[in-house]
Amino acid sequence: MNQAKRQTLALTLTIGLTSVVLSTYSSAADCRSKVQLQVLGSGGPEISDRRAGSSYLLRIDDKAVVMIDTGPGSSLNLEKAGANFNDLQALLFTHFHVDHSSDFPALVKGSYFTGRKNDLPVYGPSGNDLMPSTKEFVDQLFGKAGIYRYLNEYINPDTQSNYKIEAHNIRFAKRKIHSFNIAPNIDINAISVHHGPLPALAWRIDAGDCRITISGDTSNQYETLVKLAEDSDLLIAHHAIPEQATGAARNLHMPPSEIGKIAQAAKVKHLVLSHRMRRTEGSEAEASAIIRKHFTGPIDFADDLESYPLTGCGK
């Protein structure tokens, strides 16, 4: 083969490979994609619930795109799910209770062995006297005076590392939805929710025509979930208390009746109950019956590593 033909072949191969890469990336969440929400942790803060702490994974064409919360056990279940930490486009926090955040430093340390090269955007709530903001949370873990300061390279711009963690605070606002584009056809949307005295967020991910909402822990006293979850194909609602709960538990979480009202008002297509605790396990039939007074769509109770494919989104 002469030099001219070799150059023509090389150019053709280069253009072809570039087209494949661009096509794969640009259609990351279009109508042809396989979109699913996988539960990495369906439990709460108990040590006896046989479940990992709260954590979810948005997957598109089997790739891990967005991780929501990093409760205890979620780093192990990320591996069991066959997901690649390097594929994550963003990591979202609903709040910083231990059962939603404790595996974060384990993931960052473990990423040293994955060869991740892309910076990792991390989004979460602003802080108050009881909880740090997202930027403070990251700094208190990995800052120069942080608990795991030996991993300071991941946030220190003056040091070399394979990638950096980019922390973003979502300002408290009862009615405002904060939206960010993190990849072609993928937007993340957050709204403040009431979780007792703690700053907390609910999240919605718009992946192409698919809408997935994660309530996080909330009593819904701000009545913001319906606005965020409107027309969601999937609502992950945290079911941490039974209907008869009162006091502190009711100030932190919503009972089945509230979940049912939200799902119906938001015209949700599929409801999944997660953040399951010992006080709600065994009462699935009762909870379903209460929800059914308001919501007539499909209801499921989450378990670790269960996946929920989204089909017919936007229809």
Protein backbone atom coordinates (compact mmCIF):
# COMPACT_ATOMS: atom_id res chain seq x y z
CA MET A 1 0.00 0.00 0.00
CA ASN A 2 1.48 3.37 -0.99
CA GLN A 3 1.80 6.33 1.34
CA ALA A 4 -1.21 8.18 -0.11
CA LYS A 5 -3.52 5.19 0.43
CA ARG A 6 -2.18 4.67 3.96
CA GLN A 7 -2.91 8.32 4.81
CA THR A 8 -6.42 8.06 3.32
CA LEU A 9 -7.14 4.89 5.32
CA ALA A 10 -5.81 6.46 8.53
CA LEU A 11 -7.97 9.55 8.01
CA THR A 12 -11.05 7.41 7.32
CA LEU A 13 -10.47 5.34 10.48
CA THR A 14 -9.92 8.49 12.55
CA ILE A 15 -13.12 10.11 11.29
CA GLY A 16 -15.04 6.89 11.83
CA LEU A 17 -13.80 6.47 15.41
CA THR A 18 -14.47 10.13 16.18
CA SER A 19 -18.02 9.75 14.85
CA VAL A 20 -18.60 6.73 17.07
CA VAL A 21 -17.31 8.54 20.16
CA LEU A 22 -19.35 11.68 19.47
CA SER A 23 -22.46 9.66 18.69
CA THR A 24 -22.15 7.64 21.89
CA TYR A 25 -21.61 10.75 24.00
CA SER A 26 -24.24 12.98 22.41
CA SER A 27 -26.92 10.30 22.67
CA ALA A 28 -26.05 9.53 26.31
CA ALA A 29 -29.64 10.02 27.39
CA ASP A 30 -31.73 10.21 24.26
CA CYS A 31 -34.88 8.18 23.63
CA ARG A 32 -32.88 5.16 22.48
CA SER A 33 -30.92 4.87 25.71
CA LYS A 34 -31.51 2.33 28.44
CA VAL A 35 -32.16 4.38 31.58
CA GLN A 36 -32.48 2.77 35.00
CA LEU A 37 -32.27 3.71 38.65
CA GLN A 38 -30.43 1.19 40.82
CA VAL A 39 -30.74 1.07 44.60
CA LEU A 40 -27.32 0.70 46.23
CA GLY A 41 -28.68 1.19 49.74
CA SER A 42 -32.33 0.84 50.78
CA GLY A 43 -31.90 1.15 54.53
CA GLY A 44 -31.56 3.78 57.22
CA PRO A 45 -29.25 4.37 60.21
CA GLU A 46 -29.90 1.07 62.02
CA ILE A 47 -27.17 -1.57 62.29
CA SER A 48 -29.73 -4.37 62.37
CA ASP A 49 -31.73 -3.74 59.19
CA ARG A 50 -29.56 -5.95 56.92
CA ARG A 51 -29.42 -3.10 54.39
CA ALA A 52 -26.85 -0.60 53.19
CA GLY A 53 -27.48 3.05 54.01
CA SER A 54 -29.21 5.32 51.51
CA SER A 55 -27.63 5.41 48.09
CA TYR A 56 -28.83 5.35 44.47
CA LEU A 57 -27.24 5.12 41.07
CA LEU A 58 -28.56 6.44 37.77
CA ARG A 59 -27.36 4.20 34.95
CA ILE A 60 -27.58 4.91 31.25
CA ASP A 61 -26.75 2.05 28.89
CA ASP A 62 -25.39 0.25 31.99
CA LYS A 63 -22.92 3.05 32.75
CA ALA A 64 -22.97 4.73 36.16
CA VAL A 65 -23.75 8.39 35.48
CA VAL A 66 -24.99 9.94 38.75
CA MET A 67 -24.70 8.68 42.33
CA ILE A 68 -27.07 10.04 44.97
CA ASP A 69 -25.91 9.73 48.61
CA THR A 70 -23.17 7.44 49.86
CA GLY A 71 -24.57 5.68 52.92
CA PRO A 72 -22.63 2.91 54.73
CA GLY A 73 -22.21 -0.12 52.50
CA SER A 74 -22.82 1.79 49.27
CA SER A 75 -19.17 1.59 48.18
CA LEU A 76 -19.31 -2.22 48.38
CA ASN A 77 -22.64 -2.33 46.56
CA LEU A 78 -21.26 -0.06 43.83
CA GLU A 79 -18.75 -2.82 43.18
CA LYS A 80 -21.39 -5.57 43.41
CA ALA A 81 -23.48 -3.65 40.87
CA GLY A 82 -20.61 -3.83 38.40
CA ALA A 83 -20.51 -0.04 38.18
CA ASN A 84 -17.39 1.97 37.41
CA PHE A 85 -16.65 4.97 39.64
CA ASN A 86 -14.76 6.53 36.72
CA ASP A 87 -18.00 6.88 34.73
CA LEU A 88 -19.70 9.14 37.29
CA GLN A 89 -20.58 12.59 35.95
CA ALA A 90 -21.71 13.89 39.36
CA LEU A 91 -22.30 12.88 42.96
CA LEU A 92 -25.33 14.36 44.77
CA PHE A 93 -26.08 14.55 48.48
CA THR A 94 -29.53 14.98 49.99
CA HIS A 95 -27.99 15.81 53.39
CA PHE A 96 -25.08 14.76 55.58
CA HIS A 97 -26.53 12.41 58.16
CA VAL A 98 -24.14 9.46 58.59
CA ASP A 99 -26.50 6.99 56.91
CA HIS A 100 -26.39 9.13 53.74
CA SER A 101 -22.74 10.14 53.56
CA SER A 102 -20.29 7.94 55.49
CA ASP A 103 -18.88 6.02 52.50
CA PHE A 104 -17.80 9.15 50.65
CA PRO A 105 -14.18 9.11 51.91
CA ALA A 106 -13.99 5.38 51.17
CA LEU A 107 -14.99 6.05 47.56
CA VAL A 108 -12.45 8.86 47.22
CA LYS A 109 -9.64 6.71 48.63
CA GLY A 110 -10.69 3.76 46.49
CA SER A 111 -10.67 5.93 43.38
CA TYR A 112 -6.88 6.09 43.60
CA PHE A 113 -6.87 2.54 42.27
CA THR A 114 -9.44 3.15 39.52
CA GLY A 115 -7.35 5.61 37.54
CA ARG A 116 -10.11 8.20 37.35
CA LYS A 117 -8.97 11.25 35.36
CA ASN A 118 -12.05 13.51 35.23
CA ASP A 119 -12.88 15.98 37.98
CA LEU A 120 -15.86 14.98 40.13
CA PRO A 121 -18.59 17.60 40.73
CA VAL A 122 -20.26 17.11 44.13
CA TYR A 123 -23.54 18.90 44.86
CA GLY A 124 -25.34 19.16 48.18
CA PRO A 125 -27.06 21.52 50.63
CA SER A 126 -25.75 24.65 52.25
CA GLY A 127 -25.10 24.40 55.99
CA ASN A 128 -26.30 25.69 59.34
CA ASP A 129 -25.24 25.41 63.00
CA LEU A 130 -25.93 21.67 63.03
CA MET A 131 -24.50 20.58 59.69
CA PRO A 132 -21.67 21.75 57.43
CA SER A 133 -22.32 22.96 53.92
CA THR A 134 -21.21 20.70 51.08
CA LYS A 135 -17.99 22.68 50.63
CA GLU A 136 -17.34 22.53 54.39
CA PHE A 137 -18.12 18.81 54.47
CA VAL A 138 -15.55 18.12 51.74
CA ASP A 139 -12.99 20.45 53.33
CA GLN A 140 -13.45 18.96 56.82
CA LEU A 141 -12.76 15.54 55.32
CA PHE A 142 -9.89 16.32 52.94
CA GLY A 143 -8.72 19.85 53.77
CA LYS A 144 -5.26 20.63 55.12
CA ALA A 145 -6.64 20.26 58.65
CA GLY A 146 -9.25 17.66 57.70
CA ILE A 147 -9.88 14.22 59.13
CA TYR A 148 -8.41 12.56 56.04
CA ARG A 149 -5.91 15.28 55.20
CA TYR A 150 -3.61 12.68 53.67
CA LEU A 151 -6.05 12.83 50.74
CA ASN A 152 -5.77 16.62 50.47
CA GLU A 153 -4.48 16.35 46.90
CA TYR A 154 -8.06 15.72 45.71
CA ILE A 155 -9.16 19.24 46.65
CA ASN A 156 -5.94 21.25 46.81
CA PRO A 157 -5.37 23.11 43.51
CA ASP A 158 -1.66 23.47 44.32
CA THR A 159 -1.01 19.73 44.34
CA GLN A 160 -1.02 17.17 41.57
CA SER A 161 -3.68 14.47 41.46
CA ASN A 162 -5.50 12.45 38.82
CA TYR A 163 -8.66 14.49 39.42
CA LYS A 164 -10.19 17.08 41.75
CA ILE A 165 -13.41 17.12 43.75
CA GLU A 166 -15.48 20.20 42.87
CA ALA A 167 -17.88 20.95 45.72
CA HIS A 168 -21.03 23.02 45.12
CA ASN A 169 -23.45 24.37 47.74
CA ILE A 170 -27.15 24.52 46.87
CA ARG A 171 -28.54 27.57 48.61
CA PHE A 172 -31.59 27.06 50.81
CA ALA A 173 -34.79 28.21 49.11
CA LYS A 174 -38.22 26.73 49.86
CA ARG A 175 -39.73 27.30 46.41
CA LYS A 176 -36.80 27.56 43.99
CA ILE A 177 -35.62 24.61 41.91
CA HIS A 178 -31.88 24.78 41.24
CA SER A 179 -30.92 23.18 37.91
CA PHE A 180 -27.56 22.20 36.43
CA ASN A 181 -26.59 20.54 33.18
CA ILE A 182 -23.91 17.90 33.83
CA ALA A 183 -23.78 16.07 30.49
CA PRO A 184 -25.55 16.11 27.12
CA ASN A 185 -29.29 15.64 27.80
CA ILE A 186 -28.75 15.16 31.56
CA ASP A 187 -29.89 17.82 34.04
CA ILE A 188 -29.94 17.61 37.82
CA ASN A 189 -32.53 19.60 39.79
CA ALA A 190 -32.69 20.22 43.54
CA ILE A 191 -35.20 21.79 45.90
CA SER A 192 -34.97 22.34 49.65
CA VAL A 193 -37.06 20.00 51.79
CA HIS A 194 -37.89 19.93 55.49
CA HIS A 195 -35.90 17.36 57.48
CA GLY A 196 -36.27 18.67 61.00
CA PRO A 197 -33.58 21.28 61.76
CA LEU A 198 -31.15 20.04 59.08
CA PRO A 199 -30.52 21.48 55.61
CA ALA A 200 -31.75 18.87 53.12
CA LEU A 201 -32.54 18.51 49.44
CA ALA A 202 -34.70 16.39 47.18
CA TRP A 203 -33.27 15.68 43.73
CA ARG A 204 -34.72 15.13 40.29
CA ILE A 205 -32.64 13.89 37.38
CA ASP A 206 -33.85 14.57 33.85
CA ALA A 207 -32.15 12.06 31.56
CA GLY A 208 -33.45 12.71 28.07
CA ASP A 209 -37.22 12.25 28.34
CA CYS A 210 -36.93 10.35 31.66
CA ARG A 211 -37.58 11.99 35.03
CA ILE A 212 -36.43 10.38 38.28
CA THR A 213 -37.07 12.04 41.66
CA ILE A 214 -35.46 11.06 44.98
CA SER A 215 -37.23 12.56 47.97
CA GLY A 216 -34.41 12.09 50.46
CA ASP A 217 -35.40 12.29 54.11
CA THR A 218 -38.21 14.78 54.60
CA SER A 219 -41.45 15.42 56.44
CA ASN A 220 -42.61 17.51 53.44
CA GLN A 221 -43.61 20.35 55.75
CA TYR A 222 -42.37 22.80 53.10
CA GLU A 223 -44.71 21.12 50.58
CA THR A 224 -42.06 21.32 47.87
CA LEU A 225 -41.93 17.71 46.67
CA VAL A 226 -44.93 17.90 44.34
CA LYS A 227 -43.36 20.78 42.45
CA LEU A 228 -40.08 18.92 41.98
CA ALA A 229 -41.59 15.50 41.22
CA GLU A 230 -44.24 16.66 38.74
CA ASP A 231 -44.66 14.12 35.92
CA SER A 232 -41.80 11.96 37.18
CA ASP A 233 -41.52 8.51 35.65
CA LEU A 234 -40.12 7.24 38.97
CA LEU A 235 -40.36 8.62 42.49
CA ILE A 236 -38.11 7.14 45.17
CA ALA A 237 -39.83 8.13 48.43
CA HIS A 238 -38.27 7.48 51.82
CA HIS A 239 -40.51 5.30 53.96
CA ALA A 240 -38.90 5.51 57.38
CA ILE A 241 -41.97 5.78 59.60
CA PRO A 242 -45.39 4.11 59.91
CA GLU A 243 -48.61 6.09 59.61
CA GLN A 244 -49.09 6.43 63.38
CA ALA A 245 -45.64 7.97 64.05
CA THR A 246 -45.55 11.21 66.03
CA GLY A 247 -43.00 13.49 67.66
CA ALA A 248 -39.44 13.66 66.38
CA ALA A 249 -39.96 10.84 63.86
CA ARG A 250 -42.86 12.68 62.20
CA ASN A 251 -40.89 15.93 62.24
CA LEU A 252 -38.16 14.24 60.20
CA HIS A 253 -40.07 11.89 57.88
CA MET A 254 -43.37 11.56 56.00
CA PRO A 255 -45.93 8.80 56.64
CA PRO A 256 -47.46 6.65 53.88
CA SER A 257 -50.50 8.93 53.50
CA GLU A 258 -48.27 11.91 52.71
CA ILE A 259 -46.27 9.85 50.22
CA GLY A 260 -49.48 8.79 48.49
CA LYS A 261 -50.76 12.36 48.24
CA ILE A 262 -47.47 13.57 46.77
CA ALA A 263 -47.31 10.77 44.21
CA GLN A 264 -50.88 11.42 43.08
CA ALA A 265 -50.61 15.23 42.96
CA ALA A 266 -47.33 15.02 41.03
CA LYS A 267 -48.81 12.49 38.57
CA VAL A 268 -45.96 10.07 39.22
CA LYS A 269 -45.93 6.96 37.04
CA HIS A 270 -44.13 4.58 39.44
CA LEU A 271 -43.58 4.83 43.20
CA VAL A 272 -40.76 3.03 45.02
CA LEU A 273 -40.48 3.10 48.82
CA SER A 274 -36.94 3.06 50.18
CA HIS A 275 -35.00 4.05 53.33
CA ARG A 276 -36.81 1.13 54.96
CA MET A 277 -36.42 0.67 58.70
CA ARG A 278 -37.32 -2.02 61.21
CA ARG A 279 -40.35 0.01 62.31
CA THR A 280 -41.80 -0.11 58.77
CA GLU A 281 -40.69 -3.57 57.66
CA GLY A 282 -43.46 -6.13 57.89
CA SER A 283 -46.17 -3.51 57.39
CA GLU A 284 -45.89 -3.26 53.61
CA ALA A 285 -49.52 -4.29 53.04
CA GLU A 286 -50.75 -1.67 55.50
CA ALA A 287 -48.58 1.05 53.98
CA SER A 288 -49.69 0.12 50.46
CA ALA A 289 -53.35 0.25 51.48
CA ILE A 290 -52.91 3.75 52.91
CA ILE A 291 -51.04 4.95 49.82
CA ARG A 292 -53.70 3.39 47.57
CA LYS A 293 -56.30 5.78 49.03
CA HIS A 294 -54.50 8.50 47.09
CA PHE A 295 -52.26 6.92 44.45
CA THR A 296 -53.33 4.24 41.98
CA GLY A 297 -50.07 3.62 40.12
CA PRO A 298 -47.48 0.86 40.64
CA ILE A 299 -45.87 0.63 44.10
CA ASP A 300 -42.68 -1.24 44.97
CA PHE A 301 -40.61 -1.65 48.11
CA ALA A 302 -36.87 -1.28 47.46
CA ASP A 303 -34.13 -3.74 48.32
CA ASP A 304 -30.40 -3.34 47.91
CA LEU A 305 -29.14 -3.71 44.33
CA GLU A 306 -32.65 -3.72 42.85
CA SER A 307 -32.96 -1.86 39.55
CA TYR A 308 -35.91 0.01 38.08
CA PRO A 309 -35.73 0.41 34.29
CA LEU A 310 -37.56 3.40 32.81
CA THR A 311 -39.47 2.63 29.67
CA GLY A 312 -41.81 4.80 27.63
CA CYS A 313 -40.50 8.01 29.23
CA GLY A 314 -42.24 11.19 28.22
CA LYS A 315 -45.36 9.37 26.98
